[in-house]
Amino acid sequence: MAMVPKPDATSLFHGGDLTAARQEFPNAPQPFIDLSTGINPHPYPLPQLSPDIFARLPQRDALERLLAAATNAYGAPSPDHVVAAPGTQILLPTVAAVSALTSCGLAKILGPTYAEHAGAAYLAGHSTIGVTELAELEGADLAVVVNPNNPDGRMVTRSALIAIANNLRAGGLLVVDEAFADVASPDASLAGEVARGNIVVLRSFGKFFGLAGLRLGFALAAPATATVLRSWLGPWAVSGPAIAIGEAALGDTGWAQATRAMLRRDAQRLEEMLSQAGLEIVGGTSLFWLIRTPAASELYHQLGRAGIFVRRFKEQPDWLRFGLPGAEGAWSRLGTALAAFRQ
């Protein structure tokens, strides 16, 4: 186990910061190819929206339709178990704070993983520890598992997660962040188990649907917990355009099925490209691959100078994460840059 240090906003690093990439590589060819996130590069086609959606406050009946669509898409017990928010990022500190109301003590985060979970737990008042083995989560007041994991794609079975939920301290809460679960097996999701009362599942909308800028996400929880989360978020937490687009996208099962198949093909293509460059693949999902190489810093900078931005990790300097290229030109540029590195 390792104590998690106090979060320092100046030291946090996330993918998708093209402003920082342009500053770091000012002479790189444009446009930058952003492979630093795990976001689908083929976004859901935006529906035509009425101007009224932008001119009035979000309507309750529209929100209810969105919650019904999310219930069906994610397999929650009912809309009463679903909370809509402006992105899952805002739900991290909200859920951590709600858990601290009933059992503020020890938070354990299964890592290495997305650093914001530890930061949110710390700020909520929990003593926060990072662990590397699932069994070490037992006895926590707040246990967090990202499933599939970011950045290595590690999967934990439903049965194993339920066992952890059954072995928390009294009043404890298991948070399962399923941000990338849209491209995993539906059988792995804990969405159908949230009625137990001590499980909260987080679902990201923007990653799979390729609309991260829309800022939409969901917490799935027992109705009592969901009510508290809604009160913390306040009225009109989700914008009218996000509600309308989310409802359309979550209900479009044909697009989702075709997109999953396309992402699997693209992920296989990227895997082959990385392997041919002599890079060791640590793991991933069909939205990203994590590689390990002692030349990670050299490769990161070579790609950056070629206008290709990938995700690096301060605590794991031999790791790099590659998202999927979108247009064929992006694939070609990545292939050329990797070939130059291989030589």
Protein backbone atom coordinates (compact mmCIF):
# COMPACT_ATOMS: atom_id res chain seq x y z
CA MET A 1 0.00 0.00 0.00
CA ALA A 2 1.11 3.57 -0.60
CA MET A 3 -0.23 6.77 0.91
CA VAL A 4 -1.49 9.15 -1.76
CA PRO A 5 0.10 12.60 -1.46
CA LYS A 6 -1.95 15.76 -1.22
CA PRO A 7 -3.10 16.64 -4.76
CA ASP A 8 -1.22 19.46 -6.44
CA ALA A 9 -3.16 21.00 -9.30
CA THR A 10 0.03 22.23 -10.95
CA SER A 11 1.41 18.69 -11.21
CA LEU A 12 -1.70 16.96 -12.60
CA PHE A 13 -1.40 15.99 -16.24
CA HIS A 14 -4.20 14.77 -18.45
CA GLY A 15 -4.52 13.96 -22.10
CA GLY A 16 -6.20 16.27 -24.58
CA ASP A 17 -4.30 19.47 -23.75
CA LEU A 18 -3.39 20.57 -27.25
CA THR A 19 -2.49 24.05 -25.99
CA ALA A 20 0.31 22.50 -23.94
CA ALA A 21 1.32 20.31 -26.89
CA ARG A 22 1.69 23.32 -29.19
CA GLN A 23 3.76 25.12 -26.57
CA GLU A 24 6.01 22.09 -26.09
CA PHE A 25 6.41 21.47 -29.84
CA PRO A 26 6.01 24.89 -31.48
CA ASN A 27 7.55 23.81 -34.78
CA ALA A 28 5.47 20.65 -35.21
CA PRO A 29 3.39 20.32 -38.38
CA GLN A 30 -0.26 21.25 -38.06
CA PRO A 31 -2.87 20.11 -37.37
CA PHE A 32 -1.78 18.17 -34.28
CA ILE A 33 -2.98 14.57 -34.18
CA ASP A 34 -4.25 14.09 -30.65
CA LEU A 35 -3.79 10.47 -29.54
CA SER A 36 -3.43 11.43 -25.87
CA THR A 37 -7.05 10.63 -24.95
CA GLY A 38 -9.17 7.50 -25.13
CA ILE A 39 -11.96 9.25 -27.01
CA ASN A 40 -13.63 7.76 -30.07
CA PRO A 41 -12.26 9.73 -33.05
CA HIS A 42 -15.50 9.08 -34.98
CA PRO A 43 -18.12 11.05 -33.00
CA TYR A 44 -21.84 10.43 -32.99
CA PRO A 45 -23.51 12.55 -35.70
CA LEU A 46 -25.20 15.48 -34.01
CA PRO A 47 -28.96 15.68 -34.47
CA GLN A 48 -30.67 18.87 -35.59
CA LEU A 49 -31.52 20.90 -32.50
CA SER A 50 -34.25 23.48 -32.10
CA PRO A 51 -32.98 26.97 -31.21
CA ASP A 52 -35.41 26.88 -28.27
CA ILE A 53 -33.16 24.34 -26.53
CA PHE A 54 -30.48 27.00 -26.24
CA ALA A 55 -32.89 29.76 -25.21
CA ARG A 56 -34.69 28.13 -22.28
CA LEU A 57 -33.81 26.20 -19.16
CA PRO A 58 -33.68 22.41 -19.54
CA GLN A 59 -37.15 20.91 -19.23
CA ARG A 60 -38.01 18.18 -16.75
CA ASP A 61 -39.70 15.92 -19.30
CA ALA A 62 -36.60 16.04 -21.52
CA LEU A 63 -34.40 15.09 -18.57
CA GLU A 64 -36.75 12.21 -17.74
CA ARG A 65 -36.39 10.90 -21.30
CA LEU A 66 -32.61 11.11 -21.01
CA LEU A 67 -32.66 9.16 -17.73
CA ALA A 68 -34.87 6.50 -19.33
CA ALA A 69 -32.47 6.20 -22.28
CA ALA A 70 -29.49 5.90 -19.90
CA THR A 71 -31.34 3.25 -17.86
CA ASN A 72 -31.84 1.12 -20.96
CA ALA A 73 -28.35 1.71 -22.36
CA TYR A 74 -26.47 0.96 -19.14
CA GLY A 75 -28.73 -1.64 -17.55
CA ALA A 76 -29.64 0.30 -14.40
CA PRO A 77 -32.62 -0.99 -12.38
CA SER A 78 -34.75 2.12 -13.11
CA PRO A 79 -34.49 5.85 -13.87
CA ASP A 80 -34.69 6.47 -10.11
CA HIS A 81 -31.21 4.91 -9.94
CA VAL A 82 -29.70 7.28 -12.55
CA VAL A 83 -28.21 10.73 -11.98
CA ALA A 84 -27.20 12.90 -14.95
CA ALA A 85 -24.29 15.30 -14.55
CA PRO A 86 -22.15 17.62 -16.69
CA GLY A 87 -19.48 14.95 -17.12
CA THR A 88 -18.30 12.22 -14.76
CA GLN A 89 -15.40 14.42 -13.64
CA ILE A 90 -17.72 16.49 -11.46
CA LEU A 91 -19.19 13.30 -10.01
CA LEU A 92 -15.85 12.14 -8.59
CA PRO A 93 -15.65 14.74 -5.78
CA THR A 94 -19.44 14.70 -5.36
CA VAL A 95 -19.59 10.94 -4.75
CA ALA A 96 -16.51 11.08 -2.51
CA ALA A 97 -18.07 13.86 -0.45
CA VAL A 98 -21.38 11.99 -0.14
CA SER A 99 -19.53 8.87 1.03
CA ALA A 100 -17.71 10.97 3.65
CA LEU A 101 -21.05 12.01 5.15
CA THR A 102 -21.75 8.46 6.34
CA SER A 103 -18.30 6.95 6.69
CA CYS A 104 -15.34 9.34 6.49
CA GLY A 105 -12.16 7.41 7.08
CA LEU A 106 -10.06 5.28 4.78
CA ALA A 107 -10.24 5.42 0.99
CA LYS A 108 -8.45 2.80 -1.10
CA ILE A 109 -7.88 3.23 -4.83
CA LEU A 110 -6.94 0.24 -6.99
CA GLY A 111 -4.08 1.45 -9.13
CA PRO A 112 -2.20 2.53 -11.00
CA THR A 113 -5.18 4.39 -12.42
CA TYR A 114 -6.81 7.76 -13.10
CA ALA A 115 -5.32 10.12 -10.50
CA GLU A 116 -8.41 12.27 -9.99
CA HIS A 117 -10.12 9.59 -7.89
CA ALA A 118 -7.43 9.80 -5.22
CA GLY A 119 -7.52 13.58 -5.32
CA ALA A 120 -11.31 13.65 -4.88
CA ALA A 121 -11.17 11.21 -1.95
CA TYR A 122 -8.44 13.24 -0.26
CA LEU A 123 -10.34 16.51 -0.62
CA ALA A 124 -13.49 14.86 0.79
CA GLY A 125 -11.58 14.17 4.00
CA HIS A 126 -10.60 10.53 3.56
CA SER A 127 -7.16 9.18 4.35
CA THR A 128 -6.27 7.92 0.89
CA ILE A 129 -4.17 4.88 0.00
CA GLY A 130 -3.26 3.46 -3.37
CA VAL A 131 -3.26 -0.35 -3.60
CA THR A 132 -2.22 -2.73 -6.37
CA GLU A 133 -4.14 -5.88 -5.40
CA LEU A 134 -7.93 -6.20 -5.41
CA ALA A 135 -8.03 -7.94 -2.03
CA GLU A 136 -6.37 -4.91 -0.43
CA LEU A 137 -9.58 -2.92 -1.00
CA GLU A 138 -11.36 -4.87 1.73
CA GLY A 139 -12.08 -2.95 4.90
CA ALA A 140 -12.18 0.47 3.22
CA ASP A 141 -14.74 3.19 3.85
CA LEU A 142 -14.44 4.15 0.19
CA ALA A 143 -13.08 1.72 -2.40
CA VAL A 144 -12.53 2.78 -6.02
CA VAL A 145 -12.02 0.54 -9.05
CA VAL A 146 -11.77 1.80 -12.63
CA ASN A 147 -13.15 -1.00 -14.82
CA PRO A 148 -11.86 -1.31 -17.54
CA ASN A 149 -8.86 0.37 -16.00
CA ASN A 150 -7.24 3.49 -17.36
CA PRO A 151 -4.51 3.26 -18.61
CA ASP A 152 -3.88 -0.51 -18.92
CA GLY A 153 -7.37 -1.90 -19.62
CA ARG A 154 -7.29 -4.28 -16.64
CA MET A 155 -10.70 -5.91 -16.02
CA VAL A 156 -12.16 -7.04 -12.70
CA THR A 157 -15.04 -9.53 -12.76
CA ARG A 158 -18.48 -8.69 -11.40
CA SER A 159 -18.26 -11.43 -8.80
CA ALA A 160 -14.94 -10.11 -7.50
CA LEU A 161 -16.30 -6.59 -7.26
CA ILE A 162 -19.42 -7.75 -5.42
CA ALA A 163 -17.20 -9.61 -2.98
CA ILE A 164 -15.32 -6.36 -2.29
CA ALA A 165 -18.61 -4.52 -1.74
CA ASN A 166 -19.59 -7.17 0.79
CA ASN A 167 -16.34 -6.69 2.72
CA LEU A 168 -16.23 -2.93 3.18
CA ARG A 169 -16.55 -1.26 6.57
CA ALA A 170 -20.08 -0.57 7.79
CA GLY A 171 -21.41 2.33 5.76
CA GLY A 172 -18.63 1.88 3.20
CA LEU A 173 -19.07 2.55 -0.51
CA LEU A 174 -17.64 0.88 -3.62
CA VAL A 175 -17.28 3.22 -6.59
CA VAL A 176 -16.78 1.52 -9.95
CA ASP A 177 -15.74 3.92 -12.71
CA GLU A 178 -16.94 2.35 -15.97
CA ALA A 179 -15.83 5.23 -18.19
CA PHE A 180 -14.66 2.80 -20.89
CA ALA A 181 -17.25 0.06 -20.31
CA ASP A 182 -19.10 0.82 -23.56
CA VAL A 183 -16.37 -1.11 -25.39
CA ALA A 184 -16.17 -3.95 -22.84
CA SER A 185 -18.44 -6.93 -22.31
CA PRO A 186 -21.81 -5.85 -20.83
CA ASP A 187 -21.54 -8.80 -18.44
CA ALA A 188 -18.72 -7.02 -16.60
CA SER A 189 -20.81 -3.98 -15.62
CA LEU A 190 -22.08 -3.53 -12.08
CA ALA A 191 -24.90 -1.26 -13.25
CA GLY A 192 -27.54 -3.84 -12.36
CA GLU A 193 -26.18 -4.18 -8.80
CA VAL A 194 -26.47 -0.59 -7.58
CA ALA A 195 -29.73 -1.28 -5.74
CA ARG A 196 -27.62 -3.04 -3.10
CA GLY A 197 -27.02 0.42 -1.67
CA ASN A 198 -23.24 0.46 -1.22
CA ILE A 199 -22.26 0.52 -4.91
CA VAL A 200 -22.07 3.54 -7.21
CA VAL A 201 -21.26 3.08 -10.91
CA LEU A 202 -19.99 5.98 -13.01
CA ARG A 203 -20.59 6.03 -16.76
CA SER A 204 -18.98 8.47 -19.18
CA PHE A 205 -20.90 9.55 -22.28
CA GLY A 206 -18.24 11.50 -24.16
CA LYS A 207 -15.61 8.80 -24.62
CA PHE A 208 -17.55 6.17 -26.55
CA PHE A 209 -19.74 8.67 -28.39
CA GLY A 210 -16.74 10.88 -29.20
CA LEU A 211 -18.38 14.00 -27.76
CA ALA A 212 -16.21 14.83 -24.75
CA GLY A 213 -16.88 18.55 -25.15
CA LEU A 214 -20.59 18.00 -24.56
CA ARG A 215 -19.84 17.27 -20.86
CA LEU A 216 -22.31 14.54 -19.96
CA GLY A 217 -21.97 11.64 -17.56
CA PHE A 218 -24.02 9.51 -15.19
CA ALA A 219 -23.92 8.06 -11.70
CA LEU A 220 -25.89 4.87 -11.13
CA ALA A 221 -26.80 4.37 -7.48
CA ALA A 222 -29.50 3.30 -5.05
CA PRO A 223 -32.40 5.82 -5.08
CA ALA A 224 -31.50 7.29 -1.67
CA THR A 225 -27.91 7.94 -2.78
CA ALA A 226 -29.09 9.20 -6.17
CA THR A 227 -31.34 11.73 -4.43
CA VAL A 228 -28.44 13.09 -2.38
CA LEU A 229 -26.23 13.34 -5.48
CA ARG A 230 -28.94 15.27 -7.35
CA SER A 231 -29.28 17.70 -4.46
CA TRP A 232 -25.52 18.33 -4.49
CA LEU A 233 -25.52 18.95 -8.24
CA GLY A 234 -28.52 21.27 -8.02
CA PRO A 235 -31.17 22.06 -10.64
CA TRP A 236 -30.37 22.25 -14.35
CA ALA A 237 -27.02 20.52 -13.91
CA VAL A 238 -27.09 19.25 -17.50
CA SER A 239 -27.65 21.61 -20.41
CA GLY A 240 -30.60 21.31 -22.75
CA PRO A 241 -28.42 20.50 -25.81
CA ALA A 242 -26.57 17.79 -23.85
CA ILE A 243 -29.89 16.28 -22.76
CA ALA A 244 -31.24 16.16 -26.32
CA ILE A 245 -28.05 14.78 -27.87
CA GLY A 246 -27.58 12.27 -25.05
CA GLU A 247 -31.11 10.94 -25.43
CA ALA A 248 -30.69 10.48 -29.18
CA ALA A 249 -27.26 8.83 -28.94
CA LEU A 250 -28.04 6.48 -26.05
CA GLY A 251 -31.12 5.23 -27.88
CA ASP A 252 -29.30 4.60 -31.16
CA THR A 253 -28.41 0.93 -30.66
CA GLY A 254 -27.61 0.43 -34.35
CA TRP A 255 -24.93 3.13 -34.28
CA ALA A 256 -23.50 1.71 -31.05
CA GLN A 257 -23.25 -1.82 -32.45
CA ALA A 258 -21.59 -0.67 -35.67
CA THR A 259 -19.21 1.61 -33.78
CA ARG A 260 -18.05 -1.15 -31.42
CA ALA A 261 -17.18 -3.31 -34.42
CA MET A 262 -15.33 -0.43 -36.12
CA LEU A 263 -13.37 0.38 -32.94
CA ARG A 264 -12.30 -3.25 -32.59
CA ARG A 265 -10.96 -3.21 -36.15
CA ASP A 266 -9.13 0.08 -35.59
CA ALA A 267 -7.68 -1.14 -32.29
CA GLN A 268 -6.33 -4.26 -34.00
CA ARG A 269 -4.76 -2.10 -36.70
CA LEU A 270 -3.11 0.13 -34.09
CA GLU A 271 -1.91 -2.88 -32.11
CA GLU A 272 -0.21 -4.27 -35.20
CA MET A 273 1.36 -0.90 -35.99
CA LEU A 274 2.78 -0.53 -32.48
CA SER A 275 4.04 -4.12 -32.39
CA GLN A 276 5.79 -3.68 -35.75
CA ALA A 277 7.60 -0.70 -34.23
CA GLY A 278 9.03 -3.03 -31.59
CA LEU A 279 6.91 -1.63 -28.75
CA GLU A 280 5.71 -3.86 -25.90
CA ILE A 281 1.96 -3.62 -25.42
CA VAL A 282 1.03 -3.65 -21.73
CA GLY A 283 -2.75 -3.64 -22.22
CA GLY A 284 -5.66 -1.48 -23.29
CA THR A 285 -9.17 -1.40 -24.69
CA SER A 286 -10.51 -0.87 -28.19
CA LEU A 287 -10.13 2.88 -27.56
CA PHE A 288 -6.45 2.92 -26.56
CA TRP A 289 -3.28 0.87 -26.09
CA LEU A 290 -0.65 1.26 -23.39
CA ILE A 291 2.95 0.48 -24.39
CA ARG A 292 6.17 0.13 -22.44
CA THR A 293 9.62 0.99 -23.75
CA PRO A 294 12.85 2.26 -22.14
CA ALA A 295 12.88 4.81 -24.96
CA ALA A 296 9.47 6.25 -24.02
CA SER A 297 10.77 9.80 -23.54
CA GLU A 298 12.63 9.70 -26.85
CA LEU A 299 9.56 8.35 -28.66
CA TYR A 300 7.25 10.90 -27.01
CA HIS A 301 9.41 13.78 -28.20
CA GLN A 302 9.92 12.34 -31.67
CA LEU A 303 6.17 11.95 -32.11
CA GLY A 304 5.60 15.44 -30.70
CA ARG A 305 7.98 16.98 -33.21
CA ALA A 306 5.98 15.15 -35.90
CA GLY A 307 2.76 16.74 -34.62
CA ILE A 308 1.48 13.61 -32.86
CA PHE A 309 0.50 13.95 -29.20
CA VAL A 310 0.42 10.84 -26.99
CA ARG A 311 -0.12 10.38 -23.25
CA ARG A 312 2.88 10.01 -20.97
CA PHE A 313 3.00 9.20 -17.24
CA LYS A 314 5.12 10.94 -14.64
CA GLU A 315 5.13 7.95 -12.25
CA GLN A 316 5.73 5.42 -15.06
CA PRO A 317 8.32 7.06 -17.35
CA ASP A 318 8.58 3.97 -19.58
CA TRP A 319 4.84 4.05 -20.43
CA LEU A 320 3.03 5.79 -23.29
CA ARG A 321 -0.67 5.51 -24.15
CA PHE A 322 -1.91 5.74 -27.74
CA GLY A 323 -5.48 6.57 -28.64
CA LEU A 324 -6.94 5.72 -32.05
CA PRO A 325 -6.18 7.87 -35.09
CA GLY A 326 -9.28 9.00 -36.96
CA ALA A 327 -8.82 10.01 -40.59
CA GLU A 328 -6.62 7.96 -42.89
CA GLY A 329 -4.13 10.82 -43.04
CA ALA A 330 -3.61 10.53 -39.29
CA TRP A 331 -2.91 6.81 -39.60
CA SER A 332 -0.37 7.54 -42.33
CA ARG A 333 1.43 10.20 -40.29
CA LEU A 334 1.59 7.90 -37.26
CA GLY A 335 2.91 5.04 -39.37
CA THR A 336 5.63 7.25 -40.85
CA ALA A 337 6.67 8.55 -37.40
CA LEU A 338 6.81 5.05 -35.91
CA ALA A 339 8.82 3.76 -38.87
CA ALA A 340 11.35 6.55 -38.37
CA PHE A 341 11.61 5.63 -34.67
CA ARG A 342 12.08 1.95 -35.51
CA GLN A 343 14.96 2.74 -37.85
